[in-house]
All heavy atoms as atom14 arrays in JSON, in Angstrom:
{
  "sequence": "IRTRRISSHFYLCGDEVSDSAAGLGLISARVL",
  "atom14_mask": [
    [1, 1, 1, 1, 1, 1, 1, 1, 0, 0, 0, 0, 0, 0],
    [1, 1, 1, 1, 1, 1, 1, 1, 1, 1, 1, 0, 0, 0],
    [1, 1, 1, 1, 1, 1, 1, 0, 0, 0, 0, 0, 0, 0],
    [1, 1, 1, 1, 1, 1, 1, 1, 1, 1, 1, 0, 0, 0],
    [1, 1, 1, 1, 1, 1, 1, 1, 1, 1, 1, 0, 0, 0],
    [1, 1, 1, 1, 1, 1, 1, 1, 0, 0, 0, 0, 0, 0],
    [1, 1, 1, 1, 1, 1, 0, 0, 0, 0, 0, 0, 0, 0],
    [1, 1, 1, 1, 1, 1, 0, 0, 0, 0, 0, 0, 0, 0],
    [1, 1, 1, 1, 1, 1, 1, 1, 1, 1, 0, 0, 0, 0],
    [1, 1, 1, 1, 1, 1, 1, 1, 1, 1, 1, 0, 0, 0],
    [1, 1, 1, 1, 1, 1, 1, 1, 1, 1, 1, 1, 0, 0],
    [1, 1, 1, 1, 1, 1, 1, 1, 0, 0, 0, 0, 0, 0],
    [1, 1, 1, 1, 1, 1, 0, 0, 0, 0, 0, 0, 0, 0],
    [1, 1, 1, 1, 0, 0, 0, 0, 0, 0, 0, 0, 0, 0],
    [1, 1, 1, 1, 1, 1, 1, 1, 0, 0, 0, 0, 0, 0],
    [1, 1, 1, 1, 1, 1, 1, 1, 1, 0, 0, 0, 0, 0],
    [1, 1, 1, 1, 1, 1, 1, 0, 0, 0, 0, 0, 0, 0],
    [1, 1, 1, 1, 1, 1, 0, 0, 0, 0, 0, 0, 0, 0],
    [1, 1, 1, 1, 1, 1, 1, 1, 0, 0, 0, 0, 0, 0],
    [1, 1, 1, 1, 1, 1, 0, 0, 0, 0, 0, 0, 0, 0],
    [1, 1, 1, 1, 1, 0, 0, 0, 0, 0, 0, 0, 0, 0],
    [1, 1, 1, 1, 1, 0, 0, 0, 0, 0, 0, 0, 0, 0],
    [1, 1, 1, 1, 0, 0, 0, 0, 0, 0, 0, 0, 0, 0],
    [1, 1, 1, 1, 1, 1, 1, 1, 0, 0, 0, 0, 0, 0],
    [1, 1, 1, 1, 0, 0, 0, 0, 0, 0, 0, 0, 0, 0],
    [1, 1, 1, 1, 1, 1, 1, 1, 0, 0, 0, 0, 0, 0],
    [1, 1, 1, 1, 1, 1, 1, 1, 0, 0, 0, 0, 0, 0],
    [1, 1, 1, 1, 1, 1, 0, 0, 0, 0, 0, 0, 0, 0],
    [1, 1, 1, 1, 1, 0, 0, 0, 0, 0, 0, 0, 0, 0],
    [1, 1, 1, 1, 1, 1, 1, 1, 1, 1, 1, 0, 0, 0],
    [1, 1, 1, 1, 1, 1, 1, 0, 0, 0, 0, 0, 0, 0],
    [1, 1, 1, 1, 1, 1, 1, 1, 0, 0, 0, 0, 0, 0]
  ],
  "atom14_positions": [
    [[46.91, 25.92, 8.34], [47.74, 25.28, 7.31], [48.7, 24.34, 8.01], [49.39, 24.72, 8.96], [48.49, 26.33, 6.47], [47.5, 27.12, 5.63], [49.55, 25.66, 5.58], [48.13, 28.24, 4.82], [0.0, 0.0, 0.0], [0.0, 0.0, 0.0], [0.0, 0.0, 0.0], [0.0, 0.0, 0.0], [0.0, 0.0, 0.0], [0.0, 0.0, 0.0]],
    [[48.75, 23.12, 7.56], [49.58, 22.1, 8.21], [50.18, 21.18, 7.16], [49.79, 21.21, 6.0], [48.75, 21.27, 9.2], [47.58, 20.55, 8.54], [46.84, 19.67, 9.51], [45.77, 18.94, 8.86], [45.25, 17.81, 9.31], [45.72, 17.27, 10.43], [44.27, 17.21, 8.67], [0.0, 0.0, 0.0], [0.0, 0.0, 0.0], [0.0, 0.0, 0.0]],
    [[51.1, 20.36, 7.59], [51.67, 19.31, 6.74], [51.21, 17.97, 7.29], [51.32, 17.72, 8.49], [53.2, 19.37, 6.75], [53.63, 20.65, 6.26], [53.8, 18.27, 5.87], [0.0, 0.0, 0.0], [0.0, 0.0, 0.0], [0.0, 0.0, 0.0], [0.0, 0.0, 0.0], [0.0, 0.0, 0.0], [0.0, 0.0, 0.0], [0.0, 0.0, 0.0]],
    [[50.68, 17.14, 6.4], [50.15, 15.84, 6.83], [50.78, 14.73, 5.98], [50.91, 14.87, 4.77], [48.64, 15.83, 6.68], [47.94, 14.65, 7.3], [46.48, 14.97, 7.53], [45.73, 15.15, 6.3], [45.08, 14.16, 5.68], [45.1, 12.93, 6.17], [44.41, 14.4, 4.57], [0.0, 0.0, 0.0], [0.0, 0.0, 0.0], [0.0, 0.0, 0.0]],
    [[51.15, 13.65, 6.62], [51.69, 12.49, 5.91], [50.53, 11.6, 5.49], [49.83, 11.02, 6.33], [52.66, 11.73, 6.82], [53.41, 10.62, 6.11], [54.4, 9.95, 7.08], [55.22, 8.97, 6.4], [56.18, 8.27, 6.99], [56.43, 8.46, 8.29], [56.9, 7.4, 6.32], [0.0, 0.0, 0.0], [0.0, 0.0, 0.0], [0.0, 0.0, 0.0]],
    [[50.34, 11.48, 4.17], [49.21, 10.69, 3.65], [49.59, 9.23, 3.56], [48.79, 8.34, 3.86], [48.78, 11.22, 2.27], [48.46, 12.72, 2.35], [47.59, 10.44, 1.74], [47.34, 13.09, 3.28], [0.0, 0.0, 0.0], [0.0, 0.0, 0.0], [0.0, 0.0, 0.0], [0.0, 0.0, 0.0], [0.0, 0.0, 0.0], [0.0, 0.0, 0.0]],
    [[50.8, 8.95, 3.1], [51.32, 7.59, 3.0], [52.83, 7.66, 3.17], [53.39, 8.72, 3.42], [50.94, 6.94, 1.67], [51.52, 7.64, 0.58], [0.0, 0.0, 0.0], [0.0, 0.0, 0.0], [0.0, 0.0, 0.0], [0.0, 0.0, 0.0], [0.0, 0.0, 0.0], [0.0, 0.0, 0.0], [0.0, 0.0, 0.0], [0.0, 0.0, 0.0]],
    [[53.5, 6.55, 3.0], [54.94, 6.51, 3.3], [55.76, 7.5, 2.49], [56.78, 8.01, 2.96], [55.48, 5.09, 3.07], [55.36, 4.73, 1.7], [0.0, 0.0, 0.0], [0.0, 0.0, 0.0], [0.0, 0.0, 0.0], [0.0, 0.0, 0.0], [0.0, 0.0, 0.0], [0.0, 0.0, 0.0], [0.0, 0.0, 0.0], [0.0, 0.0, 0.0]],
    [[55.32, 7.81, 1.26], [56.08, 8.7, 0.39], [55.28, 9.9, -0.11], [55.72, 10.59, -1.03], [56.64, 7.92, -0.81], [57.8, 7.05, -0.46], [57.7, 5.96, 0.36], [59.12, 7.14, -0.81], [58.88, 5.38, 0.49], [59.76, 6.08, -0.2], [0.0, 0.0, 0.0], [0.0, 0.0, 0.0], [0.0, 0.0, 0.0], [0.0, 0.0, 0.0]],
    [[54.13, 10.17, 0.49], [53.24, 11.24, 0.01], [52.85, 12.14, 1.17], [52.29, 11.68, 2.17], [52.01, 10.61, -0.65], [50.98, 11.6, -1.14], [51.34, 12.86, -1.58], [49.64, 11.24, -1.19], [50.4, 13.76, -2.04], [48.68, 12.13, -1.64], [49.06, 13.4, -2.06], [0.0, 0.0, 0.0], [0.0, 0.0, 0.0], [0.0, 0.0, 0.0]],
    [[53.14, 13.45, 1.01], [52.84, 14.45, 2.03], [51.98, 15.55, 1.42], [52.16, 15.93, 0.26], [54.14, 15.06, 2.57], [55.0, 14.07, 3.3], [55.78, 13.14, 2.6], [55.05, 14.03, 4.68], [56.57, 12.21, 3.26], [55.85, 13.12, 5.36], [56.6, 12.2, 4.64], [57.37, 11.3, 5.3], [0.0, 0.0, 0.0], [0.0, 0.0, 0.0]],
    [[51.04, 16.08, 2.22], [50.11, 17.1, 1.74], [50.16, 18.3, 2.68], [50.03, 18.16, 3.9], [48.69, 16.53, 1.69], [47.63, 17.42, 1.04], [47.96, 17.66, -0.44], [46.25, 16.76, 1.16], [0.0, 0.0, 0.0], [0.0, 0.0, 0.0], [0.0, 0.0, 0.0], [0.0, 0.0, 0.0], [0.0, 0.0, 0.0], [0.0, 0.0, 0.0]],
    [[50.33, 19.49, 2.08], [50.41, 20.73, 2.84], [49.22, 21.63, 2.51], [48.78, 21.68, 1.36], [51.69, 21.48, 2.51], [53.21, 20.51, 2.73], [0.0, 0.0, 0.0], [0.0, 0.0, 0.0], [0.0, 0.0, 0.0], [0.0, 0.0, 0.0], [0.0, 0.0, 0.0], [0.0, 0.0, 0.0], [0.0, 0.0, 0.0], [0.0, 0.0, 0.0]],
    [[48.7, 22.33, 3.51], [47.59, 23.25, 3.3], [46.51, 23.03, 4.33], [46.66, 22.23, 5.25], [0.0, 0.0, 0.0], [0.0, 0.0, 0.0], [0.0, 0.0, 0.0], [0.0, 0.0, 0.0], [0.0, 0.0, 0.0], [0.0, 0.0, 0.0], [0.0, 0.0, 0.0], [0.0, 0.0, 0.0], [0.0, 0.0, 0.0], [0.0, 0.0, 0.0]],
    [[45.37, 23.76, 4.19], [44.27, 23.55, 5.11], [43.28, 22.51, 4.59], [42.37, 22.1, 5.3], [43.55, 24.86, 5.43], [42.92, 25.53, 4.21], [42.54, 24.84, 3.25], [42.79, 26.77, 4.23], [0.0, 0.0, 0.0], [0.0, 0.0, 0.0], [0.0, 0.0, 0.0], [0.0, 0.0, 0.0], [0.0, 0.0, 0.0], [0.0, 0.0, 0.0]],
    [[43.46, 22.11, 3.31], [42.66, 21.07, 2.65], [41.18, 21.45, 2.55], [40.33, 20.59, 2.33], [42.82, 19.72, 3.36], [44.25, 19.22, 3.39], [44.39, 17.89, 4.08], [43.56, 16.99, 3.83], [45.35, 17.73, 4.89], [0.0, 0.0, 0.0], [0.0, 0.0, 0.0], [0.0, 0.0, 0.0], [0.0, 0.0, 0.0], [0.0, 0.0, 0.0]],
    [[40.88, 22.75, 2.69], [39.49, 23.21, 2.65], [39.31, 24.37, 1.68], [38.47, 24.32, 0.78], [39.01, 23.64, 4.06], [37.59, 24.21, 3.99], [39.07, 22.48, 5.03], [0.0, 0.0, 0.0], [0.0, 0.0, 0.0], [0.0, 0.0, 0.0], [0.0, 0.0, 0.0], [0.0, 0.0, 0.0], [0.0, 0.0, 0.0], [0.0, 0.0, 0.0]],
    [[40.07, 25.45, 1.85], [39.84, 26.67, 1.1], [40.17, 26.49, -0.37], [41.13, 25.82, -0.73], [40.66, 27.83, 1.69], [42.04, 27.55, 1.62], [0.0, 0.0, 0.0], [0.0, 0.0, 0.0], [0.0, 0.0, 0.0], [0.0, 0.0, 0.0], [0.0, 0.0, 0.0], [0.0, 0.0, 0.0], [0.0, 0.0, 0.0], [0.0, 0.0, 0.0]],
    [[39.36, 27.11, -1.22], [39.52, 27.0, -2.67], [39.22, 28.36, -3.28], [38.14, 28.92, -3.07], [38.56, 25.94, -3.21], [38.75, 25.68, -4.7], [39.51, 26.43, -5.34], [38.14, 24.73, -5.2], [0.0, 0.0, 0.0], [0.0, 0.0, 0.0], [0.0, 0.0, 0.0], [0.0, 0.0, 0.0], [0.0, 0.0, 0.0], [0.0, 0.0, 0.0]],
    [[40.13, 28.9, -4.05], [39.93, 30.22, -4.65], [38.72, 30.26, -5.56], [38.11, 31.3, -5.75], [41.18, 30.65, -5.42], [41.45, 29.74, -6.47], [0.0, 0.0, 0.0], [0.0, 0.0, 0.0], [0.0, 0.0, 0.0], [0.0, 0.0, 0.0], [0.0, 0.0, 0.0], [0.0, 0.0, 0.0], [0.0, 0.0, 0.0], [0.0, 0.0, 0.0]],
    [[38.34, 29.12, -6.12], [37.18, 29.07, -7.01], [35.88, 29.31, -6.27], [34.86, 29.61, -6.86], [37.12, 27.73, -7.72], [0.0, 0.0, 0.0], [0.0, 0.0, 0.0], [0.0, 0.0, 0.0], [0.0, 0.0, 0.0], [0.0, 0.0, 0.0], [0.0, 0.0, 0.0], [0.0, 0.0, 0.0], [0.0, 0.0, 0.0], [0.0, 0.0, 0.0]],
    [[35.93, 29.19, -4.93], [34.72, 29.39, -4.13], [34.54, 30.84, -3.72], [33.73, 31.14, -2.86], [34.78, 28.5, -2.89], [0.0, 0.0, 0.0], [0.0, 0.0, 0.0], [0.0, 0.0, 0.0], [0.0, 0.0, 0.0], [0.0, 0.0, 0.0], [0.0, 0.0, 0.0], [0.0, 0.0, 0.0], [0.0, 0.0, 0.0], [0.0, 0.0, 0.0]],
    [[35.29, 31.74, -4.35], [35.15, 33.16, -4.06], [36.17, 33.69, -3.1], [36.11, 34.86, -2.7], [0.0, 0.0, 0.0], [0.0, 0.0, 0.0], [0.0, 0.0, 0.0], [0.0, 0.0, 0.0], [0.0, 0.0, 0.0], [0.0, 0.0, 0.0], [0.0, 0.0, 0.0], [0.0, 0.0, 0.0], [0.0, 0.0, 0.0], [0.0, 0.0, 0.0]],
    [[37.12, 32.89, -2.71], [38.18, 33.33, -1.81], [39.41, 33.69, -2.63], [39.83, 32.92, -3.49], [38.54, 32.21, -0.82], [37.43, 31.76, 0.13], [37.87, 30.53, 0.89], [37.07, 32.87, 1.1], [0.0, 0.0, 0.0], [0.0, 0.0, 0.0], [0.0, 0.0, 0.0], [0.0, 0.0, 0.0], [0.0, 0.0, 0.0], [0.0, 0.0, 0.0]],
    [[39.98, 34.85, -2.34], [41.14, 35.27, -3.09], [42.41, 34.57, -2.61], [42.46, 34.02, -1.51], [0.0, 0.0, 0.0], [0.0, 0.0, 0.0], [0.0, 0.0, 0.0], [0.0, 0.0, 0.0], [0.0, 0.0, 0.0], [0.0, 0.0, 0.0], [0.0, 0.0, 0.0], [0.0, 0.0, 0.0], [0.0, 0.0, 0.0], [0.0, 0.0, 0.0]],
    [[43.42, 34.57, -3.48], [44.73, 34.05, -3.12], [45.57, 35.22, -2.62], [45.94, 36.1, -3.39], [45.38, 33.37, -4.32], [44.72, 32.06, -4.76], [45.24, 31.63, -6.12], [44.98, 30.96, -3.73], [0.0, 0.0, 0.0], [0.0, 0.0, 0.0], [0.0, 0.0, 0.0], [0.0, 0.0, 0.0], [0.0, 0.0, 0.0], [0.0, 0.0, 0.0]],
    [[45.83, 35.24, -1.32], [46.54, 36.33, -0.68], [48.0, 35.93, -0.49], [48.31, 34.83, -0.05], [45.91, 36.66, 0.69], [44.4, 36.85, 0.55], [46.56, 37.9, 1.29], [43.98, 37.99, -0.35], [0.0, 0.0, 0.0], [0.0, 0.0, 0.0], [0.0, 0.0, 0.0], [0.0, 0.0, 0.0], [0.0, 0.0, 0.0], [0.0, 0.0, 0.0]],
    [[48.9, 36.86, -0.78], [50.32, 36.53, -0.86], [50.84, 35.85, 0.42], [51.53, 34.83, 0.34], [51.14, 37.78, -1.14], [50.92, 38.77, -0.14], [0.0, 0.0, 0.0], [0.0, 0.0, 0.0], [0.0, 0.0, 0.0], [0.0, 0.0, 0.0], [0.0, 0.0, 0.0], [0.0, 0.0, 0.0], [0.0, 0.0, 0.0], [0.0, 0.0, 0.0]],
    [[50.51, 36.4, 1.58], [51.11, 35.88, 2.81], [50.67, 34.45, 3.09], [51.47, 33.61, 3.49], [50.74, 36.78, 3.99], [0.0, 0.0, 0.0], [0.0, 0.0, 0.0], [0.0, 0.0, 0.0], [0.0, 0.0, 0.0], [0.0, 0.0, 0.0], [0.0, 0.0, 0.0], [0.0, 0.0, 0.0], [0.0, 0.0, 0.0], [0.0, 0.0, 0.0]],
    [[49.38, 34.15, 2.88], [48.89, 32.8, 3.21], [49.4, 31.78, 2.19], [49.7, 30.64, 2.54], [47.37, 32.78, 3.29], [46.82, 31.58, 4.06], [45.42, 31.83, 4.56], [45.01, 30.79, 5.49], [44.38, 29.68, 5.13], [44.11, 29.45, 3.86], [44.03, 28.77, 6.04], [0.0, 0.0, 0.0], [0.0, 0.0, 0.0], [0.0, 0.0, 0.0]],
    [[49.49, 32.17, 0.94], [50.08, 31.29, -0.07], [51.53, 31.0, 0.29], [52.01, 29.87, 0.18], [49.96, 31.91, -1.48], [50.75, 31.09, -2.5], [48.5, 32.01, -1.9], [0.0, 0.0, 0.0], [0.0, 0.0, 0.0], [0.0, 0.0, 0.0], [0.0, 0.0, 0.0], [0.0, 0.0, 0.0], [0.0, 0.0, 0.0], [0.0, 0.0, 0.0]],
    [[52.24, 32.02, 0.75], [53.64, 31.85, 1.13], [53.79, 30.91, 2.32], [54.75, 30.12, 2.38], [54.26, 33.21, 1.46], [55.74, 33.25, 1.82], [56.59, 32.64, 0.71], [56.18, 34.68, 2.11], [0.0, 0.0, 0.0], [0.0, 0.0, 0.0], [0.0, 0.0, 0.0], [0.0, 0.0, 0.0], [0.0, 0.0, 0.0], [0.0, 0.0, 0.0]]
  ]
}
C-alpha cells in the first residue's frame, strides 16, 4: 500500500490491485 501523486492536485492511496469483489475480504488492519 502506497501513496502516489497522479497529478498536481490528485493523490491515490492503496495497492491499486486488490478488489473485494474478486473474493478477497476487507480486513480491518489493512483497510486501516
